[in-house]
Every structure is written in C-alpha cells, then in structure tokens.
Amino acid sequence: MTWSRRLLSTLPAALAAPTVLAQGQWPSRPHVRARLCGQGAEVVAMEPAEQDRFFEAERKRWAQVVAQAGIKPD
C-alpha cells in the first residue's frame, strides 16, 4: 500500500487514472516484487475504492485497540 494511492483517491477519477494505472503495474515486476518481499512487505494490488475501504477498516480497528488500551497522546 502506498500513501500516494490514498492521496490519489481524493482526486477526480479521470485525473488520477493514469497514475493509478502506472502504480498498479510496478509491483508486478519480478525484481520490484522480490525486493519488496525481501523487506517484509506484502504486495497487494487494490483499486482506489477498495483501498479506501481497507484504510477505513484499519482506522476503525486501530482506534478501537487504542481506546480499549486507554492510550493517550503525550
């Protein structure tokens, strides 16, 4: 997951489409995938809308963990 994809989801689809397409292609290159996996990354391709749902679910999940643990910012 890249944060740049998250930022692209805030743009009109026609404007973001070329960059989204290019970003979706680079992880499928064997040398890129091998390097990312070698660093412990999990390579997953998602459409912008799917990625938005993932980030929202993660935000909710971790907000619950933080609340249950009573974690407060310094």
C-alpha atoms as a PDB file:
ATOM      1  CA  MET A   1       0.000   0.000   0.000  1.00  0.00           C
ATOM      2  CA  THR A   2       1.220   3.384  -0.765  1.00  0.00           C
ATOM      3  CA  TRP A   3       0.089   6.625   0.733  1.00  0.00           C
ATOM      4  CA  SER A   4       0.313   8.215  -2.690  1.00  0.00           C
ATOM      5  CA  ARG A   5      -2.529   5.936  -3.802  1.00  0.00           C
ATOM      6  CA  ARG A   6      -4.506   7.138  -0.796  1.00  0.00           C
ATOM      7  CA  LEU A   7      -3.922  10.737  -1.805  1.00  0.00           C
ATOM      8  CA  LEU A   8      -4.864   9.987  -5.402  1.00  0.00           C
ATOM      9  CA  SER A   9      -8.259   8.762  -4.231  1.00  0.00           C
ATOM     10  CA  THR A  10      -9.108  12.365  -3.343  1.00  0.00           C
ATOM     11  CA  LEU A  11      -8.733  13.468  -6.972  1.00  0.00           C
ATOM     12  CA  PRO A  12     -11.318  13.138  -9.736  1.00  0.00           C
ATOM     13  CA  ALA A  13     -11.029   9.666 -11.283  1.00  0.00           C
ATOM     14  CA  ALA A  14     -10.145  10.963 -14.754  1.00  0.00           C
ATOM     15  CA  LEU A  15      -7.248  12.955 -13.336  1.00  0.00           C
ATOM     16  CA  ALA A  16      -5.910  10.177 -11.116  1.00  0.00           C
ATOM     17  CA  ALA A  17      -6.455   7.261 -13.544  1.00  0.00           C
ATOM     18  CA  PRO A  18      -3.091   7.375 -15.403  1.00  0.00           C
ATOM     19  CA  THR A  19      -1.093   7.442 -12.167  1.00  0.00           C
ATOM     20  CA  VAL A  20      -3.242   4.746 -10.556  1.00  0.00           C
ATOM     21  CA  LEU A  21      -2.693   2.543 -13.604  1.00  0.00           C
ATOM     22  CA  ALA A  22       1.083   3.052 -13.520  1.00  0.00           C
ATOM     23  CA  GLN A  23       1.263   2.396  -9.785  1.00  0.00           C
ATOM     24  CA  GLY A  24      -0.724  -0.786 -10.225  1.00  0.00           C
ATOM     25  CA  GLN A  25       1.788  -2.120 -12.731  1.00  0.00           C
ATOM     26  CA  TRP A  26       5.129  -1.660 -10.968  1.00  0.00           C
ATOM     27  CA  PRO A  27       4.584  -4.182  -8.122  1.00  0.00           C
ATOM     28  CA  SER A  28       4.011  -6.955 -10.649  1.00  0.00           C
ATOM     29  CA  ARG A  29       7.546  -6.590 -11.976  1.00  0.00           C
ATOM     30  CA  PRO A  30       9.559  -9.539 -10.612  1.00  0.00           C
ATOM     31  CA  HIS A  31      12.563  -7.510  -9.405  1.00  0.00           C
ATOM     32  CA  VAL A  32      10.312  -4.999  -7.607  1.00  0.00           C
ATOM     33  CA  ARG A  33       8.181  -7.723  -6.015  1.00  0.00           C
ATOM     34  CA  ALA A  34      11.300  -9.615  -4.880  1.00  0.00           C
ATOM     35  CA  ARG A  35      12.801  -6.517  -3.303  1.00  0.00           C
ATOM     36  CA  LEU A  36       9.598  -5.565  -1.511  1.00  0.00           C
ATOM     37  CA  CYS A  37       9.035  -9.107  -0.244  1.00  0.00           C
ATOM     38  CA  GLY A  38      12.681  -9.243   0.854  1.00  0.00           C
ATOM     39  CA  GLN A  39      11.984  -6.209   3.030  1.00  0.00           C
ATOM     40  CA  GLY A  40       8.990  -7.931   4.606  1.00  0.00           C
ATOM     41  CA  ALA A  41       6.327  -6.154   2.565  1.00  0.00           C
ATOM     42  CA  GLU A  42       3.169  -7.854   1.433  1.00  0.00           C
ATOM     43  CA  VAL A  43       2.460  -6.860  -2.160  1.00  0.00           C
ATOM     44  CA  VAL A  44      -1.270  -6.430  -2.738  1.00  0.00           C
ATOM     45  CA  ALA A  45      -2.855  -4.633  -5.669  1.00  0.00           C
ATOM     46  CA  MET A  46      -6.074  -2.755  -4.917  1.00  0.00           C
ATOM     47  CA  GLU A  47      -8.306  -0.396  -6.818  1.00  0.00           C
ATOM     48  CA  PRO A  48      -8.591   3.055  -5.209  1.00  0.00           C
ATOM     49  CA  ALA A  49     -12.115   2.418  -3.858  1.00  0.00           C
ATOM     50  CA  GLU A  50     -11.034  -0.920  -2.396  1.00  0.00           C
ATOM     51  CA  GLN A  51      -8.019   0.734  -0.818  1.00  0.00           C
ATOM     52  CA  ASP A  52     -10.236   3.430   0.699  1.00  0.00           C
ATOM     53  CA  ARG A  53     -12.382   0.723   2.321  1.00  0.00           C
ATOM     54  CA  PHE A  54      -9.263  -1.021   3.621  1.00  0.00           C
ATOM     55  CA  PHE A  55      -7.854   2.163   5.178  1.00  0.00           C
ATOM     56  CA  GLU A  56     -11.195   2.995   6.789  1.00  0.00           C
ATOM     57  CA  ALA A  57     -11.496  -0.514   8.262  1.00  0.00           C
ATOM     58  CA  GLU A  58      -7.919  -0.311   9.577  1.00  0.00           C
ATOM     59  CA  ARG A  59      -8.558   3.115  11.082  1.00  0.00           C
ATOM     60  CA  LYS A  60     -11.620   1.806  12.912  1.00  0.00           C
ATOM     61  CA  ARG A  61      -9.821  -1.340  14.050  1.00  0.00           C
ATOM     62  CA  TRP A  62      -6.832   0.501  15.484  1.00  0.00           C
ATOM     63  CA  ALA A  63      -8.983   3.241  17.013  1.00  0.00           C
ATOM     64  CA  GLN A  64     -10.751   0.501  18.961  1.00  0.00           C
ATOM     65  CA  VAL A  65      -7.442  -1.011  20.093  1.00  0.00           C
ATOM     66  CA  VAL A  66      -6.186   2.391  21.233  1.00  0.00           C
ATOM     67  CA  ALA A  67      -9.433   3.153  23.065  1.00  0.00           C
ATOM     68  CA  GLN A  68      -9.527  -0.243  24.817  1.00  0.00           C
ATOM     69  CA  ALA A  69      -5.914   0.116  25.892  1.00  0.00           C
ATOM     70  CA  GLY A  70      -6.524   3.634  27.183  1.00  0.00           C
ATOM     71  CA  ILE A  71      -3.690   5.015  25.089  1.00  0.00           C
ATOM     72  CA  LYS A  72      -3.495   8.804  25.151  1.00  0.00           C
ATOM     73  CA  PRO A  73      -1.192  11.122  23.187  1.00  0.00           C
ATOM     74  CA  ASP A  74       1.563  12.786  25.200  1.00  0.00           C
END
